[in-house]
Amino acid sequence: MVYCQKCGKKNDDDAEYCNKCGTLIRGEKSLEKRIEDAAEELGRKAEAFGKHVEKKAKEFADSMKKPKQCPKCKVNLNYNAKFCWKCGNKV
């Protein structure tokens, strides 16, 4: 069975036109195929996003391992410090 893209009516696989609204069916992607294609594309994008998140999480974890230092007085700082607690230098 193939579904009409316009009205959603089920039609026989060999139908060229929808038997409810007359829309051309043959040569058009079926609704199922369009959904399948969209799902595959979404899966690819989700996988790419997952890899991006993993990379950023690793970068963050690595940054937590290395102590942040003030470039002026060389004291260790919190990872999110914007200014040195000892000399007031912007970091």
C-alpha atoms as a PDB file:
ATOM      1  CA  MET A   1       0.000   0.000   0.000  1.00  0.00           C
ATOM      2  CA  VAL A   2       1.080   3.542  -0.693  1.00  0.00           C
ATOM      3  CA  TYR A   3      -0.279   6.605   1.058  1.00  0.00           C
ATOM      4  CA  CYS A   4      -1.255   9.821  -0.673  1.00  0.00           C
ATOM      5  CA  GLN A   5       0.953  12.728   0.355  1.00  0.00           C
ATOM      6  CA  LYS A   6      -1.921  15.175   0.122  1.00  0.00           C
ATOM      7  CA  CYS A   7      -4.812  13.455   1.892  1.00  0.00           C
ATOM      8  CA  GLY A   8      -3.186  10.415   3.526  1.00  0.00           C
ATOM      9  CA  LYS A   9      -5.509   7.877   1.875  1.00  0.00           C
ATOM     10  CA  LYS A  10      -4.196   4.331   1.386  1.00  0.00           C
ATOM     11  CA  ASN A  11      -3.908   3.339  -2.249  1.00  0.00           C
ATOM     12  CA  ASP A  12      -2.800   0.183  -4.035  1.00  0.00           C
ATOM     13  CA  ASP A  13       0.928  -0.080  -4.729  1.00  0.00           C
ATOM     14  CA  ASP A  14       0.369   0.218  -8.469  1.00  0.00           C
ATOM     15  CA  ALA A  15      -1.887   3.290  -8.239  1.00  0.00           C
ATOM     16  CA  GLU A  16      -0.696   6.288 -10.199  1.00  0.00           C
ATOM     17  CA  TYR A  17      -3.249   8.680  -8.725  1.00  0.00           C
ATOM     18  CA  CYS A  18      -4.959   8.808  -5.342  1.00  0.00           C
ATOM     19  CA  ASN A  19      -8.409   7.255  -5.491  1.00  0.00           C
ATOM     20  CA  LYS A  20      -9.730   9.849  -3.024  1.00  0.00           C
ATOM     21  CA  CYS A  21      -8.301  13.211  -4.132  1.00  0.00           C
ATOM     22  CA  GLY A  22      -6.691  12.499  -7.513  1.00  0.00           C
ATOM     23  CA  THR A  23      -3.176  13.590  -6.535  1.00  0.00           C
ATOM     24  CA  LEU A  24      -0.333  12.028  -8.516  1.00  0.00           C
ATOM     25  CA  ILE A  25       1.224   9.239  -6.446  1.00  0.00           C
ATOM     26  CA  ARG A  26       3.549   7.463  -8.832  1.00  0.00           C
ATOM     27  CA  GLY A  27       6.978   9.026  -8.992  1.00  0.00           C
ATOM     28  CA  GLU A  28       6.507  10.730  -5.643  1.00  0.00           C
ATOM     29  CA  LYS A  29       8.170   9.452  -2.503  1.00  0.00           C
ATOM     30  CA  SER A  30       5.700   7.662  -0.315  1.00  0.00           C
ATOM     31  CA  LEU A  31       4.980   9.024   3.129  1.00  0.00           C
ATOM     32  CA  GLU A  32       6.686   5.994   4.655  1.00  0.00           C
ATOM     33  CA  LYS A  33       9.822   6.595   2.581  1.00  0.00           C
ATOM     34  CA  ARG A  34       9.913  10.275   3.516  1.00  0.00           C
ATOM     35  CA  ILE A  35       9.554   9.378   7.200  1.00  0.00           C
ATOM     36  CA  GLU A  36      12.260   6.734   6.862  1.00  0.00           C
ATOM     37  CA  ASP A  37      14.595   9.215   5.142  1.00  0.00           C
ATOM     38  CA  ALA A  38      13.922  11.848   7.799  1.00  0.00           C
ATOM     39  CA  ALA A  39      14.556   9.320  10.575  1.00  0.00           C
ATOM     40  CA  GLU A  40      17.868   8.307   9.005  1.00  0.00           C
ATOM     41  CA  GLU A  41      18.920  11.936   8.685  1.00  0.00           C
ATOM     42  CA  LEU A  42      17.911  12.613  12.277  1.00  0.00           C
ATOM     43  CA  GLY A  43      19.920   9.583  13.366  1.00  0.00           C
ATOM     44  CA  ARG A  44      23.002  10.885  11.556  1.00  0.00           C
ATOM     45  CA  LYS A  45      22.598  14.315  13.121  1.00  0.00           C
ATOM     46  CA  ALA A  46      22.078  12.813  16.577  1.00  0.00           C
ATOM     47  CA  GLU A  47      25.230  10.737  16.183  1.00  0.00           C
ATOM     48  CA  ALA A  48      27.234  13.792  15.114  1.00  0.00           C
ATOM     49  CA  PHE A  49      25.831  15.787  18.029  1.00  0.00           C
ATOM     50  CA  GLY A  50      26.711  12.971  20.423  1.00  0.00           C
ATOM     51  CA  LYS A  51      30.295  12.985  19.178  1.00  0.00           C
ATOM     52  CA  HIS A  52      30.428  16.760  19.604  1.00  0.00           C
ATOM     53  CA  VAL A  53      29.150  16.490  23.185  1.00  0.00           C
ATOM     54  CA  GLU A  54      31.672  13.744  23.968  1.00  0.00           C
ATOM     55  CA  LYS A  55      34.490  15.908  22.608  1.00  0.00           C
ATOM     56  CA  LYS A  56      33.406  18.926  24.649  1.00  0.00           C
ATOM     57  CA  ALA A  57      32.989  16.803  27.787  1.00  0.00           C
ATOM     58  CA  LYS A  58      36.505  15.417  27.340  1.00  0.00           C
ATOM     59  CA  GLU A  59      37.910  18.913  26.816  1.00  0.00           C
ATOM     60  CA  PHE A  60      36.172  20.076  29.973  1.00  0.00           C
ATOM     61  CA  ALA A  61      37.375  17.076  31.973  1.00  0.00           C
ATOM     62  CA  ASP A  62      40.920  17.637  30.725  1.00  0.00           C
ATOM     63  CA  SER A  63      40.748  21.307  31.676  1.00  0.00           C
ATOM     64  CA  MET A  64      39.723  20.305  35.189  1.00  0.00           C
ATOM     65  CA  LYS A  65      42.859  18.171  35.540  1.00  0.00           C
ATOM     66  CA  LYS A  66      45.240  21.027  34.780  1.00  0.00           C
ATOM     67  CA  PRO A  67      45.282  23.775  37.383  1.00  0.00           C
ATOM     68  CA  LYS A  68      44.687  27.215  35.985  1.00  0.00           C
ATOM     69  CA  GLN A  69      47.480  29.643  36.838  1.00  0.00           C
ATOM     70  CA  CYS A  70      47.718  33.377  36.947  1.00  0.00           C
ATOM     71  CA  PRO A  71      50.100  34.452  34.172  1.00  0.00           C
ATOM     72  CA  LYS A  72      51.418  37.284  36.349  1.00  0.00           C
ATOM     73  CA  CYS A  73      52.040  35.766  39.793  1.00  0.00           C
ATOM     74  CA  LYS A  74      51.751  32.032  38.944  1.00  0.00           C
ATOM     75  CA  VAL A  75      49.374  31.080  41.786  1.00  0.00           C
ATOM     76  CA  ASN A  76      46.844  28.323  41.145  1.00  0.00           C
ATOM     77  CA  LEU A  77      43.313  29.509  40.436  1.00  0.00           C
ATOM     78  CA  ASN A  78      39.870  27.979  40.261  1.00  0.00           C
ATOM     79  CA  TYR A  79      39.076  26.714  36.765  1.00  0.00           C
ATOM     80  CA  ASN A  80      36.381  29.363  36.294  1.00  0.00           C
ATOM     81  CA  ALA A  81      38.303  32.325  37.756  1.00  0.00           C
ATOM     82  CA  LYS A  82      38.343  35.465  35.664  1.00  0.00           C
ATOM     83  CA  PHE A  83      40.667  37.356  37.995  1.00  0.00           C
ATOM     84  CA  CYS A  84      43.544  36.248  40.181  1.00  0.00           C
ATOM     85  CA  TRP A  85      42.632  36.075  43.859  1.00  0.00           C
ATOM     86  CA  LYS A  86      46.140  37.156  44.881  1.00  0.00           C
ATOM     87  CA  CYS A  87      47.194  39.941  42.511  1.00  0.00           C
ATOM     88  CA  GLY A  88      43.879  40.884  40.852  1.00  0.00           C
ATOM     89  CA  ASN A  89      45.223  40.280  37.353  1.00  0.00           C
ATOM     90  CA  LYS A  90      42.634  39.445  34.696  1.00  0.00           C
ATOM     91  CA  VAL A  91      43.136  35.867  33.496  1.00  0.00           C
END
